[in-house]
Amino acid sequence: MYESHFGLSQPPFSLSPDTRLFVRLQDHERCFSLLTHVLETGEGFLKVIGDVGTGKTILCRRLLRYLSDDPVAQSRFFSVYIPNPMLSPIGLYRAVGQELGLNLDDQNASRNLLESINRRILALASQRQGVVIVVDEAQSLPADTLEALRLITNLETEQQKLVQIILFGQPELDELLRQSRFRQLRQRITFAHYLKPLSLASTRQYIDFRLLHCGYNGPGLFSPRVLKALHKRAGGVPRMINVLAHKTLLAAYAARRTTPSLADVKLAWMDGQPDAQKLSPWLAPGIAAASLVVLVLLLWGWP
């Protein structure tokens, strides 16, 4: 929409977890290093906790790419990805079995499913491959399904654990794990990482990186004042930074400005407020006007 206006080759602030736009932020790099260390040392369970929009999913995708693309990791690990954990115990076993290359559709007993999975895990272990189960949005795991997941980790030899599990989840995952029934599971979680909101400096790094990798080749597009306002409004949350940066560029584009202003950030932020008219009645018409201008420009083919 506004890419050519700002000299971009593609949208820089898409919400899709594109690992090509993964920014090596200090906290995210520390988390990824912990993930790979835990896998290499065979420590078993690990959880990554972060609020909505803090970058859990893109970290999860980066880990999966590492497991599938890195030659050493590929030879040592067989990865199982569970993107939708809202499954029954039987549904979980079938999903894990399918990822392991098994056909378990004709089995309906948890015990038989688990035995089939264990045989497959032992067969992989004989080839010197451990299984890594990666669960995204793990706070949505039903309690019975989380217990079923724990049972898979019981399989180990005297020398090593044959299954390692990494849980990516929101803070509600900790609330789930605090239940007394999960005492054994809590003891198995050897490491945890809590993702924090970005600092102002990290927000600058994040925005500059994405602009650069989407073709921008000019002076700082967001001035220090505009960046500070955007960081404050977004609360340092990467997803909100994406949303506000996108809308800010859209507002600047509608006003035919080559650089965003503080007013553009305000318009972008107010556009996401359900009671924008009540809070700032003078801004709501501006939001509508900016949207109308963009629509007219698009209809007339303005670049």
C-alpha atoms as a PDB file:
ATOM      1  CA  MET A   1       0.000   0.000   0.000  1.00  0.00           C
ATOM      2  CA  TYR A   2       2.603   2.580   1.087  1.00  0.00           C
ATOM      3  CA  GLU A   3       5.768   0.611   0.271  1.00  0.00           C
ATOM      4  CA  SER A   4       6.866   2.553  -2.814  1.00  0.00           C
ATOM      5  CA  HIS A   5       6.149   5.873  -1.082  1.00  0.00           C
ATOM      6  CA  PHE A   6       8.758   5.087   1.584  1.00  0.00           C
ATOM      7  CA  GLY A   7      11.148   3.164  -0.688  1.00  0.00           C
ATOM      8  CA  LEU A   8      10.271  -0.289   0.661  1.00  0.00           C
ATOM      9  CA  SER A   9      10.228  -3.556  -1.254  1.00  0.00           C
ATOM     10  CA  GLN A  10       7.700  -5.291   1.031  1.00  0.00           C
ATOM     11  CA  PRO A  11       5.614  -4.534   4.137  1.00  0.00           C
ATOM     12  CA  PRO A  12       8.061  -4.281   7.064  1.00  0.00           C
ATOM     13  CA  PHE A  13       5.599  -4.703   9.915  1.00  0.00           C
ATOM     14  CA  SER A  14       3.553  -7.751   8.974  1.00  0.00           C
ATOM     15  CA  LEU A  15       2.119  -9.706  11.901  1.00  0.00           C
ATOM     16  CA  SER A  16       2.992 -13.074  10.351  1.00  0.00           C
ATOM     17  CA  PRO A  17       5.959 -14.778  12.123  1.00  0.00           C
ATOM     18  CA  ASP A  18       8.418 -14.483   9.213  1.00  0.00           C
ATOM     19  CA  THR A  19      11.747 -15.877  10.475  1.00  0.00           C
ATOM     20  CA  ARG A  20      13.567 -13.886   7.774  1.00  0.00           C
ATOM     21  CA  LEU A  21      12.621 -10.789   9.761  1.00  0.00           C
ATOM     22  CA  PHE A  22      13.707 -12.284  13.089  1.00  0.00           C
ATOM     23  CA  VAL A  23      15.546  -9.533  14.963  1.00  0.00           C
ATOM     24  CA  ARG A  24      18.426 -10.675  17.138  1.00  0.00           C
ATOM     25  CA  LEU A  25      17.290  -8.772  20.197  1.00  0.00           C
ATOM     26  CA  GLN A  26      19.281  -9.345  23.352  1.00  0.00           C
ATOM     27  CA  ASP A  27      16.492 -11.030  25.298  1.00  0.00           C
ATOM     28  CA  HIS A  28      15.401 -13.177  22.346  1.00  0.00           C
ATOM     29  CA  GLU A  29      18.998 -14.215  21.635  1.00  0.00           C
ATOM     30  CA  ARG A  30      19.460 -15.169  25.280  1.00  0.00           C
ATOM     31  CA  CYS A  31      16.309 -17.277  25.089  1.00  0.00           C
ATOM     32  CA  PHE A  32      17.350 -18.984  21.851  1.00  0.00           C
ATOM     33  CA  SER A  33      20.792 -19.764  23.271  1.00  0.00           C
ATOM     34  CA  LEU A  34      19.110 -21.323  26.298  1.00  0.00           C
ATOM     35  CA  LEU A  35      16.864 -23.426  24.045  1.00  0.00           C
ATOM     36  CA  THR A  36      19.767 -24.829  22.032  1.00  0.00           C
ATOM     37  CA  HIS A  37      21.849 -25.387  25.177  1.00  0.00           C
ATOM     38  CA  VAL A  38      19.054 -27.348  26.841  1.00  0.00           C
ATOM     39  CA  LEU A  39      18.633 -29.529  23.762  1.00  0.00           C
ATOM     40  CA  GLU A  40      22.352 -30.177  23.384  1.00  0.00           C
ATOM     41  CA  THR A  41      22.754 -31.174  27.039  1.00  0.00           C
ATOM     42  CA  GLY A  42      19.574 -33.280  27.119  1.00  0.00           C
ATOM     43  CA  GLU A  43      18.050 -31.465  30.082  1.00  0.00           C
ATOM     44  CA  GLY A  44      14.474 -32.502  29.349  1.00  0.00           C
ATOM     45  CA  PHE A  45      11.713 -29.949  29.988  1.00  0.00           C
ATOM     46  CA  LEU A  46      11.893 -26.197  29.317  1.00  0.00           C
ATOM     47  CA  LYS A  47       9.235 -23.479  29.270  1.00  0.00           C
ATOM     48  CA  VAL A  48       9.270 -20.075  27.563  1.00  0.00           C
ATOM     49  CA  ILE A  49       6.751 -17.666  29.069  1.00  0.00           C
ATOM     50  CA  GLY A  50       5.736 -14.365  27.537  1.00  0.00           C
ATOM     51  CA  ASP A  51       2.685 -12.151  27.368  1.00  0.00           C
ATOM     52  CA  VAL A  52       0.671 -11.772  24.170  1.00  0.00           C
ATOM     53  CA  GLY A  53       2.776 -10.406  21.326  1.00  0.00           C
ATOM     54  CA  THR A  54       6.203 -10.671  22.966  1.00  0.00           C
ATOM     55  CA  GLY A  55       7.664 -12.920  20.261  1.00  0.00           C
ATOM     56  CA  LYS A  56       7.055 -16.486  21.449  1.00  0.00           C
ATOM     57  CA  THR A  57       5.763 -17.779  18.127  1.00  0.00           C
ATOM     58  CA  ILE A  58       8.615 -16.430  16.019  1.00  0.00           C
ATOM     59  CA  LEU A  59      11.088 -17.892  18.532  1.00  0.00           C
ATOM     60  CA  CYS A  60       9.238 -21.194  18.237  1.00  0.00           C
ATOM     61  CA  ARG A  61       9.454 -21.047  14.429  1.00  0.00           C
ATOM     62  CA  ARG A  62      13.153 -20.189  14.592  1.00  0.00           C
ATOM     63  CA  LEU A  63      13.773 -23.179  16.843  1.00  0.00           C
ATOM     64  CA  LEU A  64      11.905 -25.472  14.440  1.00  0.00           C
ATOM     65  CA  ARG A  65      13.971 -24.156  11.528  1.00  0.00           C
ATOM     66  CA  TYR A  66      17.129 -24.792  13.521  1.00  0.00           C
ATOM     67  CA  LEU A  67      16.040 -28.377  14.204  1.00  0.00           C
ATOM     68  CA  SER A  68      15.206 -28.996  10.546  1.00  0.00           C
ATOM     69  CA  ASP A  69      17.970 -27.022   8.788  1.00  0.00           C
ATOM     70  CA  ASP A  70      21.058 -27.229  10.993  1.00  0.00           C
ATOM     71  CA  PRO A  71      22.995 -30.369   9.909  1.00  0.00           C
ATOM     72  CA  VAL A  72      24.135 -31.266  13.433  1.00  0.00           C
ATOM     73  CA  ALA A  73      20.700 -30.705  14.988  1.00  0.00           C
ATOM     74  CA  GLN A  74      19.054 -32.571  12.139  1.00  0.00           C
ATOM     75  CA  SER A  75      21.200 -35.621  12.786  1.00  0.00           C
ATOM     76  CA  ARG A  76      20.607 -35.578  16.546  1.00  0.00           C
ATOM     77  CA  PHE A  77      16.943 -34.641  16.904  1.00  0.00           C
ATOM     78  CA  PHE A  78      13.567 -35.606  15.481  1.00  0.00           C
ATOM     79  CA  SER A  79      11.211 -32.667  16.003  1.00  0.00           C
ATOM     80  CA  VAL A  80       7.487 -32.885  16.739  1.00  0.00           C
ATOM     81  CA  TYR A  81       5.488 -29.663  16.506  1.00  0.00           C
ATOM     82  CA  ILE A  82       2.110 -29.227  18.237  1.00  0.00           C
ATOM     83  CA  PRO A  83       0.684 -25.832  17.148  1.00  0.00           C
ATOM     84  CA  ASN A  84      -2.812 -26.444  18.541  1.00  0.00           C
ATOM     85  CA  PRO A  85      -2.627 -27.950  22.030  1.00  0.00           C
ATOM     86  CA  MET A  86      -6.385 -27.890  22.682  1.00  0.00           C
ATOM     87  CA  LEU A  87      -6.538 -31.637  22.278  1.00  0.00           C
ATOM     88  CA  SER A  88      -7.769 -34.560  24.324  1.00  0.00           C
ATOM     89  CA  PRO A  89      -5.081 -36.983  25.550  1.00  0.00           C
ATOM     90  CA  ILE A  90      -5.944 -39.336  22.687  1.00  0.00           C
ATOM     91  CA  GLY A  91      -5.876 -36.410  20.258  1.00  0.00           C
ATOM     92  CA  LEU A  92      -2.443 -35.433  21.542  1.00  0.00           C
ATOM     93  CA  TYR A  93      -1.082 -38.964  21.151  1.00  0.00           C
ATOM     94  CA  ARG A  94      -2.424 -39.138  17.610  1.00  0.00           C
ATOM     95  CA  ALA A  95      -0.888 -35.771  16.757  1.00  0.00           C
ATOM     96  CA  VAL A  96       2.487 -36.802  18.188  1.00  0.00           C
ATOM     97  CA  GLY A  97       2.278 -40.166  16.424  1.00  0.00           C
ATOM     98  CA  GLN A  98       1.478 -38.528  13.102  1.00  0.00           C
ATOM     99  CA  GLU A  99       4.487 -36.221  13.453  1.00  0.00           C
ATOM    100  CA  LEU A 100       6.587 -39.313  14.211  1.00  0.00           C
ATOM    101  CA  GLY A 101       5.396 -40.930  11.005  1.00  0.00           C
ATOM    102  CA  LEU A 102       2.929 -43.372  12.548  1.00  0.00           C
ATOM    103  CA  ASN A 103      -0.644 -44.121  11.491  1.00  0.00           C
ATOM    104  CA  LEU A 104      -2.641 -44.355  14.708  1.00  0.00           C
ATOM    105  CA  ASP A 105      -6.110 -43.478  13.416  1.00  0.00           C
ATOM    106  CA  ASP A 106      -7.446 -46.987  14.042  1.00  0.00           C
ATOM    107  CA  GLN A 107      -6.362 -46.995  17.693  1.00  0.00           C
ATOM    108  CA  ASN A 108      -8.685 -45.605  20.345  1.00  0.00           C
ATOM    109  CA  ALA A 109      -7.010 -46.539  23.642  1.00  0.00           C
ATOM    110  CA  SER A 110      -4.519 -44.158  25.242  1.00  0.00           C
ATOM    111  CA  ARG A 111      -2.387 -47.050  26.464  1.00  0.00           C
ATOM    112  CA  ASN A 112      -2.040 -48.578  22.992  1.00  0.00           C
ATOM    113  CA  LEU A 113      -1.296 -45.190  21.442  1.00  0.00           C
ATOM    114  CA  LEU A 114       1.389 -44.468  24.018  1.00  0.00           C
ATOM    115  CA  GLU A 115       2.964 -47.881  23.511  1.00  0.00           C
ATOM    116  CA  SER A 116       3.160 -47.279  19.740  1.00  0.00           C
ATOM    117  CA  ILE A 117       4.757 -43.873  20.334  1.00  0.00           C
ATOM    118  CA  ASN A 118       7.260 -45.360  22.772  1.00  0.00           C
ATOM    119  CA  ARG A 119       8.292 -48.022  20.264  1.00  0.00           C
ATOM    120  CA  ARG A 120       8.894 -45.350  17.648  1.00  0.00           C
ATOM    121  CA  ILE A 121      10.921 -43.252  20.102  1.00  0.00           C
ATOM    122  CA  LEU A 122      13.056 -46.282  20.985  1.00  0.00           C
ATOM    123  CA  ALA A 123      13.607 -46.986  17.286  1.00  0.00           C
ATOM    124  CA  LEU A 124      14.805 -43.401  16.780  1.00  0.00           C
ATOM    125  CA  ALA A 125      17.051 -43.704  19.846  1.00  0.00           C
ATOM    126  CA  SER A 126      18.699 -46.745  18.276  1.00  0.00           C
ATOM    127  CA  GLN A 127      19.611 -44.402  15.404  1.00  0.00           C
ATOM    128  CA  ARG A 128      21.042 -41.915  17.921  1.00  0.00           C
ATOM    129  CA  GLN A 129      18.141 -39.498  17.490  1.00  0.00           C
ATOM    130  CA  GLY A 130      16.235 -37.968  20.378  1.00  0.00           C
ATOM    131  CA  VAL A 131      12.704 -36.617  20.063  1.00  0.00           C
ATOM    132  CA  VAL A 132      11.965 -32.948  20.728  1.00  0.00           C
ATOM    133  CA  ILE A 133       8.296 -32.056  21.228  1.00  0.00           C
ATOM    134  CA  VAL A 134       7.605 -28.335  20.756  1.00  0.00           C
ATOM    135  CA  VAL A 135       4.228 -27.055  21.963  1.00  0.00           C
ATOM    136  CA  ASP A 136       3.055 -23.552  21.049  1.00  0.00           C
ATOM    137  CA  GLU A 137       0.309 -21.762  23.035  1.00  0.00           C
ATOM    138  CA  ALA A 138       0.856 -24.312  25.793  1.00  0.00           C
ATOM    139  CA  GLN A 139      -1.337 -22.384  28.254  1.00  0.00           C
ATOM    140  CA  SER A 140      -4.285 -23.849  26.319  1.00  0.00           C
ATOM    141  CA  LEU A 141      -3.363 -27.440  27.159  1.00  0.00           C
ATOM    142  CA  PRO A 142      -6.216 -29.151  29.036  1.00  0.00           C
ATOM    143  CA  ALA A 143      -5.014 -30.527  32.361  1.00  0.00           C
ATOM    144  CA  ASP A 144      -5.517 -34.166  31.328  1.00  0.00           C
ATOM    145  CA  THR A 145      -3.624 -33.561  28.099  1.00  0.00           C
ATOM    146  CA  LEU A 146      -0.712 -31.969  29.950  1.00  0.00           C
ATOM    147  CA  GLU A 147      -0.539 -35.059  32.143  1.00  0.00           C
ATOM    148  CA  ALA A 148      -0.594 -37.245  29.015  1.00  0.00           C
ATOM    149  CA  LEU A 149       2.317 -35.211  27.669  1.00  0.00           C
ATOM    150  CA  ARG A 150       4.257 -35.858  30.866  1.00  0.00           C
ATOM    151  CA  LEU A 151       3.811 -39.610  30.436  1.00  0.00           C
ATOM    152  CA  ILE A 152       5.656 -39.466  27.124  1.00  0.00           C
ATOM    153  CA  THR A 153       8.724 -38.108  28.921  1.00  0.00           C
ATOM    154  CA  ASN A 154       8.896 -41.156  31.215  1.00  0.00           C
ATOM    155  CA  LEU A 155      10.774 -42.970  28.497  1.00  0.00           C
ATOM    156  CA  GLU A 156      14.521 -42.729  29.164  1.00  0.00           C
ATOM    157  CA  THR A 157      17.625 -44.851  29.483  1.00  0.00           C
ATOM    158  CA  GLU A 158      20.237 -44.854  32.234  1.00  0.00           C
ATOM    159  CA  GLN A 159      22.367 -42.535  30.123  1.00  0.00           C
ATOM    160  CA  GLN A 160      19.909 -40.102  28.571  1.00  0.00           C
ATOM    161  CA  LYS A 161      16.385 -38.782  28.220  1.00  0.00           C
ATOM    162  CA  LEU A 162      14.838 -39.908  24.966  1.00  0.00           C
ATOM    163  CA  VAL A 163      12.221 -37.141  24.812  1.00  0.00           C
ATOM    164  CA  GLN A 164      12.627 -33.438  25.475  1.00  0.00           C
ATOM    165  CA  ILE A 165       9.701 -31.022  25.614  1.00  0.00           C
ATOM    166  CA  ILE A 166       9.673 -27.261  25.115  1.00  0.00           C
ATOM    167  CA  LEU A 167       6.537 -25.353  26.068  1.00  0.00           C
ATOM    168  CA  PHE A 168       5.844 -21.863  24.692  1.00  0.00           C
ATOM    169  CA  GLY A 169       3.021 -20.190  26.557  1.00  0.00           C
ATOM    170  CA  GLN A 170       1.455 -17.127  28.098  1.00  0.00           C
ATOM    171  CA  PRO A 171       1.658 -16.447  31.875  1.00  0.00           C
ATOM    172  CA  GLU A 172      -1.456 -18.577  32.355  1.00  0.00           C
ATOM    173  CA  LEU A 173       0.777 -21.593  31.768  1.00  0.00           C
ATOM    174  CA  ASP A 174       2.443 -20.962  35.121  1.00  0.00           C
ATOM    175  CA  GLU A 175      -0.984 -20.889  36.774  1.00  0.00           C
ATOM    176  CA  LEU A 176      -1.778 -24.256  35.222  1.00  0.00           C
ATOM    177  CA  LEU A 177       1.529 -25.773  36.344  1.00  0.00           C
ATOM    178  CA  ARG A 178       1.001 -24.567  39.917  1.00  0.00           C
ATOM    179  CA  GLN A 179      -1.778 -27.103  40.375  1.00  0.00           C
ATOM    180  CA  SER A 180      -0.774 -29.782  42.877  1.00  0.00           C
ATOM    181  CA  ARG A 181      -1.388 -32.562  40.351  1.00  0.00           C
ATOM    182  CA  PHE A 182       1.576 -31.297  38.311  1.00  0.00           C
ATOM    183  CA  ARG A 183       4.202 -31.491  41.076  1.00  0.00           C
ATOM    184  CA  GLN A 184       6.177 -34.123  39.167  1.00  0.00           C
ATOM    185  CA  LEU A 185       5.993 -32.110  35.982  1.00  0.00           C
ATOM    186  CA  ARG A 186       7.217 -28.917  37.677  1.00  0.00           C
ATOM    187  CA  GLN A 187      10.223 -30.819  39.001  1.00  0.00           C
ATOM    188  CA  ARG A 188      11.116 -31.873  35.455  1.00  0.00           C
ATOM    189  CA  ILE A 189      11.150 -28.329  34.104  1.00  0.00           C
ATOM    190  CA  THR A 190      14.855 -27.668  34.453  1.00  0.00           C
ATOM    191  CA  PHE A 191      14.930 -24.227  32.803  1.00  0.00           C
ATOM    192  CA  ALA A 192      12.521 -21.359  32.170  1.00  0.00           C
ATOM    193  CA  HIS A 193      12.804 -18.080  30.306  1.00  0.00           C
ATOM    194  CA  TYR A 194      10.462 -15.109  30.699  1.00  0.00           C
ATOM    195  CA  LEU A 195      10.304 -12.775  27.715  1.00  0.00           C
ATOM    196  CA  LYS A 196      10.233  -9.078  28.618  1.00  0.00           C
ATOM    197  CA  PRO A 197       8.903  -6.052  26.687  1.00  0.00           C
ATOM    198  CA  LEU A 198      11.506  -4.275  24.564  1.00  0.00           C
ATOM    199  CA  SER A 199      13.460  -1.292  25.831  1.00  0.00           C
ATOM    200  CA  LEU A 200      13.538   1.917  23.806  1.00  0.00           C
ATOM    201  CA  ALA A 201      16.960   0.972  22.385  1.00  0.00           C
ATOM    202  CA  SER A 202      15.696  -2.492  21.433  1.00  0.00           C
ATOM    203  CA  THR A 203      12.621  -0.947  19.816  1.00  0.00           C
ATOM    204  CA  ARG A 204      14.913   1.193  17.642  1.00  0.00           C
ATOM    205  CA  GLN A 205      16.937  -1.917  16.742  1.00  0.00           C
ATOM    206  CA  TYR A 206      13.734  -3.828  15.968  1.00  0.00           C
ATOM    207  CA  ILE A 207      12.250  -1.144  13.700  1.00  0.00           C
ATOM    208  CA  ASP A 208      15.511  -0.317  11.908  1.00  0.00           C
ATOM    209  CA  PHE A 209      16.226  -3.999  11.203  1.00  0.00           C
ATOM    210  CA  ARG A 210      12.822  -4.657   9.689  1.00  0.00           C
ATOM    211  CA  LEU A 211      12.949  -1.502   7.575  1.00  0.00           C
ATOM    212  CA  LEU A 212      16.444  -2.362   6.312  1.00  0.00           C
ATOM    213  CA  HIS A 213      15.479  -5.927   5.386  1.00  0.00           C
ATOM    214  CA  CYS A 214      12.404  -4.650   3.566  1.00  0.00           C
ATOM    215  CA  GLY A 215      14.436  -2.421   1.278  1.00  0.00           C
ATOM    216  CA  TYR A 216      14.630   0.905   3.132  1.00  0.00           C
ATOM    217  CA  ASN A 217      17.880   2.729   2.385  1.00  0.00           C
ATOM    218  CA  GLY A 218      17.658   6.237   3.751  1.00  0.00           C
ATOM    219  CA  PRO A 219      17.986   8.336   6.897  1.00  0.00           C
ATOM    220  CA  GLY A 220      16.157   7.301  10.051  1.00  0.00           C
ATOM    221  CA  LEU A 221      12.508   7.039   9.066  1.00  0.00           C
ATOM    222  CA  PHE A 222      11.265   7.417  12.639  1.00  0.00           C
ATOM    223  CA  SER A 223      12.737  10.407  14.472  1.00  0.00           C
ATOM    224  CA  PRO A 224      13.814   9.929  18.126  1.00  0.00           C
ATOM    225  CA  ARG A 225      10.672  11.742  19.352  1.00  0.00           C
ATOM    226  CA  VAL A 226       8.364   9.715  17.127  1.00  0.00           C
ATOM    227  CA  LEU A 227      10.107   6.478  18.075  1.00  0.00           C
ATOM    228  CA  LYS A 228       9.825   7.296  21.790  1.00  0.00           C
ATOM    229  CA  ALA A 229       6.097   7.970  21.432  1.00  0.00           C
ATOM    230  CA  LEU A 230       5.574   4.757  19.463  1.00  0.00           C
ATOM    231  CA  HIS A 231       7.524   2.729  22.033  1.00  0.00           C
ATOM    232  CA  LYS A 232       5.477   4.202  24.884  1.00  0.00           C
ATOM    233  CA  ARG A 233       2.156   3.541  23.167  1.00  0.00           C
ATOM    234  CA  ALA A 234       3.168  -0.026  22.256  1.00  0.00           C
ATOM    235  CA  GLY A 235       4.499  -0.788  25.721  1.00  0.00           C
ATOM    236  CA  GLY A 236       7.576  -2.386  24.168  1.00  0.00           C
ATOM    237  CA  VAL A 237       5.513  -5.338  22.889  1.00  0.00           C
ATOM    238  CA  PRO A 238       6.766  -6.403  19.415  1.00  0.00           C
ATOM    239  CA  ARG A 239       3.302  -7.195  18.054  1.00  0.00           C
ATOM    240  CA  MET A 240       1.976  -3.800  19.121  1.00  0.00           C
ATOM    241  CA  ILE A 241       5.084  -2.137  17.692  1.00  0.00           C
ATOM    242  CA  ASN A 242       4.245  -3.795  14.366  1.00  0.00           C
ATOM    243  CA  VAL A 243       0.623  -2.669  14.513  1.00  0.00           C
ATOM    244  CA  LEU A 244       1.391   0.924  15.495  1.00  0.00           C
ATOM    245  CA  ALA A 245       4.349   1.313  13.129  1.00  0.00           C
ATOM    246  CA  HIS A 246       2.215   0.065  10.235  1.00  0.00           C
ATOM    247  CA  LYS A 247      -0.653   2.422  11.047  1.00  0.00           C
ATOM    248  CA  THR A 248       1.757   5.311  11.638  1.00  0.00           C
ATOM    249  CA  LEU A 249       3.271   4.861   8.181  1.00  0.00           C
ATOM    250  CA  LEU A 250      -0.231   4.584   6.750  1.00  0.00           C
ATOM    251  CA  ALA A 251      -1.230   7.919   8.343  1.00  0.00           C
ATOM    252  CA  ALA A 252       1.944   9.604   7.077  1.00  0.00           C
ATOM    253  CA  TYR A 253       1.299   8.168   3.616  1.00  0.00           C
ATOM    254  CA  ALA A 254      -2.255   9.528   3.643  1.00  0.00           C
ATOM    255  CA  ALA A 255      -0.922  12.982   4.557  1.00  0.00           C
ATOM    256  CA  ARG A 256       1.756  12.705   1.823  1.00  0.00           C
ATOM    257  CA  ARG A 257       4.575  13.036   4.343  1.00  0.00           C
ATOM    258  CA  THR A 258       7.898  11.305   3.746  1.00  0.00           C
ATOM    259  CA  THR A 259       8.509  10.845   7.480  1.00  0.00           C
ATOM    260  CA  PRO A 260       5.977  10.044  10.227  1.00  0.00           C
ATOM    261  CA  SER A 261       5.052  12.654  12.822  1.00  0.00           C
ATOM    262  CA  LEU A 262       3.868  12.541  16.428  1.00  0.00           C
ATOM    263  CA  ALA A 263       0.349  13.213  15.139  1.00  0.00           C
ATOM    264  CA  ASP A 264       0.588  10.082  12.990  1.00  0.00           C
ATOM    265  CA  VAL A 265       1.496   7.996  16.054  1.00  0.00           C
ATOM    266  CA  LYS A 266      -1.477   9.438  17.945  1.00  0.00           C
ATOM    267  CA  LEU A 267      -3.812   8.636  15.070  1.00  0.00           C
ATOM    268  CA  ALA A 268      -2.396   5.109  14.872  1.00  0.00           C
ATOM    269  CA  TRP A 269      -2.847   4.495  18.583  1.00  0.00           C
ATOM    270  CA  MET A 270      -6.343   5.993  18.791  1.00  0.00           C
ATOM    271  CA  ASP A 271      -7.451   3.847  15.849  1.00  0.00           C
ATOM    272  CA  GLY A 272      -7.117   0.819  18.132  1.00  0.00           C
ATOM    273  CA  GLN A 273      -9.118   2.285  21.013  1.00  0.00           C
ATOM    274  CA  PRO A 274     -12.789   1.211  21.191  1.00  0.00           C
ATOM    275  CA  ASP A 275     -13.757   4.481  22.937  1.00  0.00           C
ATOM    276  CA  ALA A 276     -11.574   6.807  20.847  1.00  0.00           C
ATOM    277  CA  GLN A 277     -14.344   9.366  20.338  1.00  0.00           C
ATOM    278  CA  LYS A 278     -15.068   9.593  24.056  1.00  0.00           C
ATOM    279  CA  LEU A 279     -11.397   9.943  25.018  1.00  0.00           C
ATOM    280  CA  SER A 280     -10.338  12.373  22.298  1.00  0.00           C
ATOM    281  CA  PRO A 281     -13.235  13.480  20.099  1.00  0.00           C
ATOM    282  CA  TRP A 282     -10.957  15.670  17.966  1.00  0.00           C
ATOM    283  CA  LEU A 283      -8.864  12.651  16.937  1.00  0.00           C
ATOM    284  CA  ALA A 284     -11.647  10.350  15.746  1.00  0.00           C
ATOM    285  CA  PRO A 285     -12.529  12.489  12.705  1.00  0.00           C
ATOM    286  CA  GLY A 286      -8.846  12.595  11.846  1.00  0.00           C
ATOM    287  CA  ILE A 287      -8.674   8.811  11.823  1.00  0.00           C
ATOM    288  CA  ALA A 288     -11.676   8.620   9.534  1.00  0.00           C
ATOM    289  CA  ALA A 289     -10.279  11.350   7.310  1.00  0.00           C
ATOM    290  CA  ALA A 290      -6.910   9.615   7.012  1.00  0.00           C
ATOM    291  CA  SER A 291      -8.610   6.352   6.064  1.00  0.00           C
ATOM    292  CA  LEU A 292     -10.740   8.161   3.486  1.00  0.00           C
ATOM    293  CA  VAL A 293      -7.713   9.886   1.965  1.00  0.00           C
ATOM    294  CA  VAL A 294      -5.893   6.552   1.655  1.00  0.00           C
ATOM    295  CA  LEU A 295      -8.926   4.978  -0.012  1.00  0.00           C
ATOM    296  CA  VAL A 296      -9.234   7.852  -2.529  1.00  0.00           C
ATOM    297  CA  LEU A 297      -5.517   7.724  -3.317  1.00  0.00           C
ATOM    298  CA  LEU A 298      -5.677   3.987  -3.892  1.00  0.00           C
ATOM    299  CA  LEU A 299      -8.685   4.344  -6.198  1.00  0.00           C
ATOM    300  CA  TRP A 300      -6.871   7.006  -8.216  1.00  0.00           C
ATOM    301  CA  GLY A 301      -3.700   4.901  -8.324  1.00  0.00           C
ATOM    302  CA  TRP A 302      -1.509   7.417  -6.443  1.00  0.00           C
ATOM    303  CA  PRO A 303       1.908   5.707  -5.835  1.00  0.00           C
END
